[in-house]
Amino acid sequence: MAPTANLNQIFTTFPPIPNLSADRLPRPDVKATHLPVNNAGESQNHQFKPTRRLALGLGTIGLFANSNVAVSLAEDNGFWLTGPLPIPRAANMINNVETGTRSFLKTGVYIADIGTKGRQFRLKKYAFDLLALGDLIGKDAWNYVRKYLRLKSTFMYFDFDKVISAATPDDKPPLLDLANRLFNTVEKLEDAVKQQDLPQTESLYKDTTVILQEVMTRMA
């Protein structure tokens, strides 16, 4: 009986539970409290507290506000294209005399205007790249060899045209001769690769490497 007596003593110490049903009406002694707004500076600081959303919004406004300036600068730097891909045309006599063009030329390729010095450097670099193409000949990589040859030769074609146009009258004839010898050989090489003629491809590639080395020496 001792445990029961102890429990009764504990429960009697709790305060009585108020009648909730009778406490539905608001008490007259309880008043609504309002936060005082005495400091105008604190209110303004609270309203303009920087947040991530606010920062993103301001950044977007600044981005679109300066969009016209960015487009104007992009149109002048020669590296940013704001319209359809232009179709370049060669101004010098570096085309095939019979066809009036070059069979290896790829379309839809944008060639940035990097100046005469930049084009000379690119001619030297792409000539070096084509010298490494011989490692793939005869290894069942015909499609890759042809695509790589056409892409590099297309850039070299238009770069040669611009370099020849910027050359002095005394330098133009040897540059024209070098370009035509290179592209005549590349056309034949590209056709041999297309036909997957291994003996012809190897023979023409050897002739092409000699001219590519000459290009690297000339553009150094």
C-alpha atoms as a PDB file:
ATOM      1  CA  MET A   1       0.000   0.000   0.000  1.00  0.00           C
ATOM      2  CA  ALA A   2       2.977   2.301   0.383  1.00  0.00           C
ATOM      3  CA  PRO A   3       3.549   2.844  -3.354  1.00  0.00           C
ATOM      4  CA  THR A   4      -0.101   3.801  -3.864  1.00  0.00           C
ATOM      5  CA  ALA A   5       0.054   6.368  -1.108  1.00  0.00           C
ATOM      6  CA  ASN A   6       3.145   7.937  -2.591  1.00  0.00           C
ATOM      7  CA  LEU A   7       1.470   8.304  -6.004  1.00  0.00           C
ATOM      8  CA  ASN A   8      -1.540  10.003  -4.499  1.00  0.00           C
ATOM      9  CA  GLN A   9       0.727  12.446  -2.713  1.00  0.00           C
ATOM     10  CA  ILE A  10       2.533  13.287  -5.968  1.00  0.00           C
ATOM     11  CA  PHE A  11      -0.653  13.918  -7.985  1.00  0.00           C
ATOM     12  CA  THR A  12      -2.047  16.188  -5.291  1.00  0.00           C
ATOM     13  CA  THR A  13       0.929  18.519  -5.704  1.00  0.00           C
ATOM     14  CA  PHE A  14       0.042  19.371  -9.378  1.00  0.00           C
ATOM     15  CA  PRO A  15      -1.969  22.589  -9.893  1.00  0.00           C
ATOM     16  CA  PRO A  16      -5.544  22.169 -11.066  1.00  0.00           C
ATOM     17  CA  ILE A  17      -6.125  22.062 -14.831  1.00  0.00           C
ATOM     18  CA  PRO A  18      -8.061  25.138 -16.008  1.00  0.00           C
ATOM     19  CA  ASN A  19     -11.448  24.754 -17.694  1.00  0.00           C
ATOM     20  CA  LEU A  20     -10.680  25.294 -21.372  1.00  0.00           C
ATOM     21  CA  SER A  21     -14.308  25.525 -22.433  1.00  0.00           C
ATOM     22  CA  ALA A  22     -14.879  28.455 -20.126  1.00  0.00           C
ATOM     23  CA  ASP A  23     -11.749  30.270 -21.294  1.00  0.00           C
ATOM     24  CA  ARG A  24     -12.853  30.832 -24.896  1.00  0.00           C
ATOM     25  CA  LEU A  25     -13.608  34.545 -24.467  1.00  0.00           C
ATOM     26  CA  PRO A  26     -10.642  36.933 -24.474  1.00  0.00           C
ATOM     27  CA  ARG A  27      -9.518  38.095 -21.117  1.00  0.00           C
ATOM     28  CA  PRO A  28     -10.058  41.804 -20.512  1.00  0.00           C
ATOM     29  CA  ASP A  29      -6.712  42.236 -18.829  1.00  0.00           C
ATOM     30  CA  VAL A  30      -4.755  40.996 -21.845  1.00  0.00           C
ATOM     31  CA  LYS A  31      -3.891  43.690 -24.409  1.00  0.00           C
ATOM     32  CA  ALA A  32      -2.552  43.234 -27.928  1.00  0.00           C
ATOM     33  CA  THR A  33       1.102  44.042 -28.085  1.00  0.00           C
ATOM     34  CA  HIS A  34       2.671  45.860 -31.043  1.00  0.00           C
ATOM     35  CA  LEU A  35       6.327  46.151 -31.939  1.00  0.00           C
ATOM     36  CA  PRO A  36       7.332  49.774 -31.594  1.00  0.00           C
ATOM     37  CA  VAL A  37       8.966  51.381 -34.618  1.00  0.00           C
ATOM     38  CA  ASN A  38      10.980  54.168 -33.139  1.00  0.00           C
ATOM     39  CA  ASN A  39      14.199  54.004 -35.188  1.00  0.00           C
ATOM     40  CA  ALA A  40      13.681  54.794 -38.888  1.00  0.00           C
ATOM     41  CA  GLY A  41      17.257  53.782 -39.664  1.00  0.00           C
ATOM     42  CA  GLU A  42      16.735  50.281 -38.335  1.00  0.00           C
ATOM     43  CA  SER A  43      13.619  49.895 -40.488  1.00  0.00           C
ATOM     44  CA  GLN A  44      15.474  50.954 -43.607  1.00  0.00           C
ATOM     45  CA  ASN A  45      18.359  48.649 -42.834  1.00  0.00           C
ATOM     46  CA  HIS A  46      15.923  45.794 -42.408  1.00  0.00           C
ATOM     47  CA  GLN A  47      14.269  46.498 -45.762  1.00  0.00           C
ATOM     48  CA  PHE A  48      17.515  46.733 -47.757  1.00  0.00           C
ATOM     49  CA  LYS A  49      19.323  43.852 -46.132  1.00  0.00           C
ATOM     50  CA  PRO A  50      21.421  42.263 -48.918  1.00  0.00           C
ATOM     51  CA  THR A  51      20.366  38.767 -49.857  1.00  0.00           C
ATOM     52  CA  ARG A  52      21.400  36.278 -52.529  1.00  0.00           C
ATOM     53  CA  ARG A  53      18.194  36.890 -54.464  1.00  0.00           C
ATOM     54  CA  LEU A  54      18.760  40.643 -54.408  1.00  0.00           C
ATOM     55  CA  ALA A  55      22.344  40.223 -55.590  1.00  0.00           C
ATOM     56  CA  LEU A  56      21.251  38.004 -58.488  1.00  0.00           C
ATOM     57  CA  GLY A  57      18.575  40.486 -59.455  1.00  0.00           C
ATOM     58  CA  LEU A  58      20.978  43.411 -59.486  1.00  0.00           C
ATOM     59  CA  GLY A  59      23.511  41.378 -61.461  1.00  0.00           C
ATOM     60  CA  THR A  60      20.889  40.513 -64.069  1.00  0.00           C
ATOM     61  CA  ILE A  61      19.902  44.154 -64.430  1.00  0.00           C
ATOM     62  CA  GLY A  62      23.543  45.131 -64.919  1.00  0.00           C
ATOM     63  CA  LEU A  63      24.074  42.364 -67.435  1.00  0.00           C
ATOM     64  CA  PHE A  64      21.169  43.355 -69.640  1.00  0.00           C
ATOM     65  CA  ALA A  65      21.905  47.040 -69.231  1.00  0.00           C
ATOM     66  CA  ASN A  66      25.380  46.522 -70.694  1.00  0.00           C
ATOM     67  CA  SER A  67      24.332  43.999 -73.357  1.00  0.00           C
ATOM     68  CA  ASN A  68      24.434  46.560 -76.171  1.00  0.00           C
ATOM     69  CA  VAL A  69      27.988  47.538 -75.228  1.00  0.00           C
ATOM     70  CA  ALA A  70      29.075  43.887 -75.114  1.00  0.00           C
ATOM     71  CA  VAL A  71      27.619  43.178 -78.548  1.00  0.00           C
ATOM     72  CA  SER A  72      29.297  46.250 -79.979  1.00  0.00           C
ATOM     73  CA  LEU A  73      32.682  45.186 -78.618  1.00  0.00           C
ATOM     74  CA  ALA A  74      32.132  41.593 -79.787  1.00  0.00           C
ATOM     75  CA  GLU A  75      31.528  42.716 -83.342  1.00  0.00           C
ATOM     76  CA  ASP A  76      34.862  44.516 -83.424  1.00  0.00           C
ATOM     77  CA  ASN A  77      37.274  41.985 -81.920  1.00  0.00           C
ATOM     78  CA  GLY A  78      37.169  39.399 -84.727  1.00  0.00           C
ATOM     79  CA  PHE A  79      36.751  36.463 -82.303  1.00  0.00           C
ATOM     80  CA  TRP A  80      33.028  36.645 -81.575  1.00  0.00           C
ATOM     81  CA  LEU A  81      30.454  35.801 -84.242  1.00  0.00           C
ATOM     82  CA  THR A  82      27.090  37.594 -83.907  1.00  0.00           C
ATOM     83  CA  GLY A  83      25.509  36.385 -87.156  1.00  0.00           C
ATOM     84  CA  PRO A  84      25.514  33.415 -89.527  1.00  0.00           C
ATOM     85  CA  LEU A  85      28.777  31.749 -90.515  1.00  0.00           C
ATOM     86  CA  PRO A  86      30.401  33.715 -93.318  1.00  0.00           C
ATOM     87  CA  ILE A  87      31.523  31.926 -96.475  1.00  0.00           C
ATOM     88  CA  PRO A  88      35.123  33.032 -97.132  1.00  0.00           C
ATOM     89  CA  ARG A  89      36.480  33.405-100.615  1.00  0.00           C
ATOM     90  CA  ALA A  90      40.089  33.325-101.714  1.00  0.00           C
ATOM     91  CA  ALA A  91      41.307  36.531-103.320  1.00  0.00           C
ATOM     92  CA  ASN A  92      44.486  35.030-104.805  1.00  0.00           C
ATOM     93  CA  MET A  93      45.097  32.401-107.474  1.00  0.00           C
ATOM     94  CA  ILE A  94      45.439  29.400-105.185  1.00  0.00           C
ATOM     95  CA  ASN A  95      42.499  27.418-106.572  1.00  0.00           C
ATOM     96  CA  ASN A  96      42.610  24.450-108.890  1.00  0.00           C
ATOM     97  CA  VAL A  97      42.788  25.825-112.423  1.00  0.00           C
ATOM     98  CA  GLU A  98      40.367  23.201-113.751  1.00  0.00           C
ATOM     99  CA  THR A  99      37.735  23.252-111.013  1.00  0.00           C
ATOM    100  CA  GLY A 100      38.092  26.811-109.702  1.00  0.00           C
ATOM    101  CA  THR A 101      38.119  25.575-106.102  1.00  0.00           C
ATOM    102  CA  ARG A 102      39.774  22.957-103.908  1.00  0.00           C
ATOM    103  CA  SER A 103      38.208  19.566-103.343  1.00  0.00           C
ATOM    104  CA  PHE A 104      39.353  19.303 -99.720  1.00  0.00           C
ATOM    105  CA  LEU A 105      37.653  22.492 -98.520  1.00  0.00           C
ATOM    106  CA  LYS A 106      35.194  22.037 -95.659  1.00  0.00           C
ATOM    107  CA  THR A 107      32.142  24.275 -95.365  1.00  0.00           C
ATOM    108  CA  GLY A 108      30.603  25.666 -92.190  1.00  0.00           C
ATOM    109  CA  VAL A 109      33.992  26.313 -90.577  1.00  0.00           C
ATOM    110  CA  TYR A 110      34.527  29.665 -88.876  1.00  0.00           C
ATOM    111  CA  ILE A 111      38.066  30.991 -89.232  1.00  0.00           C
ATOM    112  CA  ALA A 112      38.788  33.822 -86.804  1.00  0.00           C
ATOM    113  CA  ASP A 113      40.742  36.818 -88.041  1.00  0.00           C
ATOM    114  CA  ILE A 114      43.915  36.702 -85.938  1.00  0.00           C
ATOM    115  CA  GLY A 115      46.030  38.991 -88.102  1.00  0.00           C
ATOM    116  CA  THR A 116      48.871  38.225 -90.476  1.00  0.00           C
ATOM    117  CA  LYS A 117      51.326  37.189 -87.763  1.00  0.00           C
ATOM    118  CA  GLY A 118      48.728  34.963 -86.157  1.00  0.00           C
ATOM    119  CA  ARG A 119      47.937  33.320 -89.488  1.00  0.00           C
ATOM    120  CA  GLN A 120      51.611  32.682 -90.144  1.00  0.00           C
ATOM    121  CA  PHE A 121      51.912  31.021 -86.757  1.00  0.00           C
ATOM    122  CA  ARG A 122      48.804  28.923 -87.449  1.00  0.00           C
ATOM    123  CA  LEU A 123      50.190  27.862 -90.836  1.00  0.00           C
ATOM    124  CA  LYS A 124      53.361  26.662 -89.154  1.00  0.00           C
ATOM    125  CA  LYS A 125      51.437  24.848 -86.408  1.00  0.00           C
ATOM    126  CA  TYR A 126      49.017  23.103 -88.783  1.00  0.00           C
ATOM    127  CA  ALA A 127      51.873  22.070 -91.060  1.00  0.00           C
ATOM    128  CA  PHE A 128      53.468  20.454 -88.013  1.00  0.00           C
ATOM    129  CA  ASP A 129      50.159  18.736 -87.168  1.00  0.00           C
ATOM    130  CA  LEU A 130      49.879  17.278 -90.664  1.00  0.00           C
ATOM    131  CA  LEU A 131      53.425  15.951 -90.409  1.00  0.00           C
ATOM    132  CA  ALA A 132      52.205  13.735 -87.569  1.00  0.00           C
ATOM    133  CA  LEU A 133      49.326  12.386 -89.660  1.00  0.00           C
ATOM    134  CA  GLY A 134      51.552   9.716 -91.202  1.00  0.00           C
ATOM    135  CA  ASP A 135      51.331   7.627 -88.027  1.00  0.00           C
ATOM    136  CA  LEU A 136      47.675   6.848 -88.838  1.00  0.00           C
ATOM    137  CA  ILE A 137      48.116   5.929 -92.492  1.00  0.00           C
ATOM    138  CA  GLY A 138      47.672   2.212 -93.076  1.00  0.00           C
ATOM    139  CA  LYS A 139      46.057   1.592 -89.677  1.00  0.00           C
ATOM    140  CA  ASP A 140      42.415   1.366 -90.738  1.00  0.00           C
ATOM    141  CA  ALA A 141      41.713   5.011 -89.839  1.00  0.00           C
ATOM    142  CA  TRP A 142      40.791   6.293 -93.287  1.00  0.00           C
ATOM    143  CA  ASN A 143      37.796   8.372 -92.225  1.00  0.00           C
ATOM    144  CA  TYR A 144      39.734  10.065 -89.446  1.00  0.00           C
ATOM    145  CA  VAL A 145      42.714  10.750 -91.713  1.00  0.00           C
ATOM    146  CA  ARG A 146      40.503  12.317 -94.365  1.00  0.00           C
ATOM    147  CA  LYS A 147      38.545  14.506 -91.909  1.00  0.00           C
ATOM    148  CA  TYR A 148      41.730  15.673 -90.186  1.00  0.00           C
ATOM    149  CA  LEU A 149      43.445  16.382 -93.499  1.00  0.00           C
ATOM    150  CA  ARG A 150      40.497  18.372 -94.828  1.00  0.00           C
ATOM    151  CA  LEU A 151      40.052  20.439 -91.659  1.00  0.00           C
ATOM    152  CA  LYS A 152      43.706  21.428 -91.325  1.00  0.00           C
ATOM    153  CA  SER A 153      44.078  22.074 -95.051  1.00  0.00           C
ATOM    154  CA  THR A 154      40.975  24.296 -95.089  1.00  0.00           C
ATOM    155  CA  PHE A 155      42.467  26.559 -92.429  1.00  0.00           C
ATOM    156  CA  MET A 156      45.811  26.591 -94.241  1.00  0.00           C
ATOM    157  CA  TYR A 157      44.091  27.476 -97.515  1.00  0.00           C
ATOM    158  CA  PHE A 158      42.428  30.621 -96.179  1.00  0.00           C
ATOM    159  CA  ASP A 159      45.418  31.557 -94.027  1.00  0.00           C
ATOM    160  CA  PHE A 160      47.685  31.339 -97.049  1.00  0.00           C
ATOM    161  CA  ASP A 161      45.308  33.577 -98.989  1.00  0.00           C
ATOM    162  CA  LYS A 162      45.409  36.289 -96.301  1.00  0.00           C
ATOM    163  CA  VAL A 163      49.180  36.032 -95.864  1.00  0.00           C
ATOM    164  CA  ILE A 164      49.710  36.362 -99.627  1.00  0.00           C
ATOM    165  CA  SER A 165      47.427  39.406 -99.754  1.00  0.00           C
ATOM    166  CA  ALA A 166      49.440  41.100 -96.982  1.00  0.00           C
ATOM    167  CA  ALA A 167      52.826  40.220 -98.512  1.00  0.00           C
ATOM    168  CA  THR A 168      55.039  42.613-100.430  1.00  0.00           C
ATOM    169  CA  PRO A 169      55.096  42.426-104.256  1.00  0.00           C
ATOM    170  CA  ASP A 170      58.437  40.594-104.138  1.00  0.00           C
ATOM    171  CA  ASP A 171      57.191  37.984-101.636  1.00  0.00           C
ATOM    172  CA  LYS A 172      53.878  37.199-103.336  1.00  0.00           C
ATOM    173  CA  PRO A 173      55.183  35.019-106.235  1.00  0.00           C
ATOM    174  CA  PRO A 174      57.128  32.550-104.038  1.00  0.00           C
ATOM    175  CA  LEU A 175      54.228  32.345-101.586  1.00  0.00           C
ATOM    176  CA  LEU A 176      51.781  31.668-104.417  1.00  0.00           C
ATOM    177  CA  ASP A 177      54.039  28.947-105.757  1.00  0.00           C
ATOM    178  CA  LEU A 178      54.391  27.335-102.333  1.00  0.00           C
ATOM    179  CA  ALA A 179      50.652  27.419-101.690  1.00  0.00           C
ATOM    180  CA  ASN A 180      49.745  25.935-105.062  1.00  0.00           C
ATOM    181  CA  ARG A 181      52.300  23.149-104.751  1.00  0.00           C
ATOM    182  CA  LEU A 182      50.973  22.293-101.321  1.00  0.00           C
ATOM    183  CA  PHE A 183      47.301  22.335-102.243  1.00  0.00           C
ATOM    184  CA  ASN A 184      47.803  20.450-105.499  1.00  0.00           C
ATOM    185  CA  THR A 185      49.462  17.653-103.548  1.00  0.00           C
ATOM    186  CA  VAL A 186      46.863  17.758-100.772  1.00  0.00           C
ATOM    187  CA  GLU A 187      44.061  17.388-103.320  1.00  0.00           C
ATOM    188  CA  LYS A 188      45.658  14.262-104.727  1.00  0.00           C
ATOM    189  CA  LEU A 189      46.362  12.940-101.236  1.00  0.00           C
ATOM    190  CA  GLU A 190      42.792  13.539-100.132  1.00  0.00           C
ATOM    191  CA  ASP A 191      41.476  11.646-103.162  1.00  0.00           C
ATOM    192  CA  ALA A 192      43.814   8.706-102.488  1.00  0.00           C
ATOM    193  CA  VAL A 193      42.670   8.582 -98.866  1.00  0.00           C
ATOM    194  CA  LYS A 194      39.048   8.710-100.019  1.00  0.00           C
ATOM    195  CA  GLN A 195      39.688   5.728-102.302  1.00  0.00           C
ATOM    196  CA  GLN A 196      41.597   3.981 -99.486  1.00  0.00           C
ATOM    197  CA  ASP A 197      44.481   3.390-101.865  1.00  0.00           C
ATOM    198  CA  LEU A 198      47.335   2.648 -99.465  1.00  0.00           C
ATOM    199  CA  PRO A 199      50.314   2.638-101.895  1.00  0.00           C
ATOM    200  CA  GLN A 200      49.168   5.892-103.533  1.00  0.00           C
ATOM    201  CA  THR A 201      48.438   7.465-100.156  1.00  0.00           C
ATOM    202  CA  GLU A 202      51.885   6.637 -98.798  1.00  0.00           C
ATOM    203  CA  SER A 203      53.596   7.965-101.926  1.00  0.00           C
ATOM    204  CA  LEU A 204      51.637  11.215-101.976  1.00  0.00           C
ATOM    205  CA  TYR A 205      52.083  11.711 -98.247  1.00  0.00           C
ATOM    206  CA  LYS A 206      55.854  11.592 -98.648  1.00  0.00           C
ATOM    207  CA  ASP A 207      55.607  14.336-101.283  1.00  0.00           C
ATOM    208  CA  THR A 208      53.334  16.358 -98.994  1.00  0.00           C
ATOM    209  CA  THR A 209      55.688  16.168 -96.011  1.00  0.00           C
ATOM    210  CA  VAL A 210      58.484  17.786 -98.027  1.00  0.00           C
ATOM    211  CA  ILE A 211      56.245  20.770 -98.827  1.00  0.00           C
ATOM    212  CA  LEU A 212      54.949  20.960 -95.242  1.00  0.00           C
ATOM    213  CA  GLN A 213      58.502  21.255 -93.956  1.00  0.00           C
ATOM    214  CA  GLU A 214      59.058  24.046 -96.445  1.00  0.00           C
ATOM    215  CA  VAL A 215      55.951  25.799 -95.115  1.00  0.00           C
ATOM    216  CA  MET A 216      57.247  25.578 -91.549  1.00  0.00           C
ATOM    217  CA  THR A 217      60.583  27.070 -92.617  1.00  0.00           C
ATOM    218  CA  ARG A 218      58.887  29.858 -94.533  1.00  0.00           C
ATOM    219  CA  MET A 219      56.513  30.803 -91.697  1.00  0.00           C
ATOM    220  CA  ALA A 220      59.127  30.643 -88.936  1.00  0.00           C
END
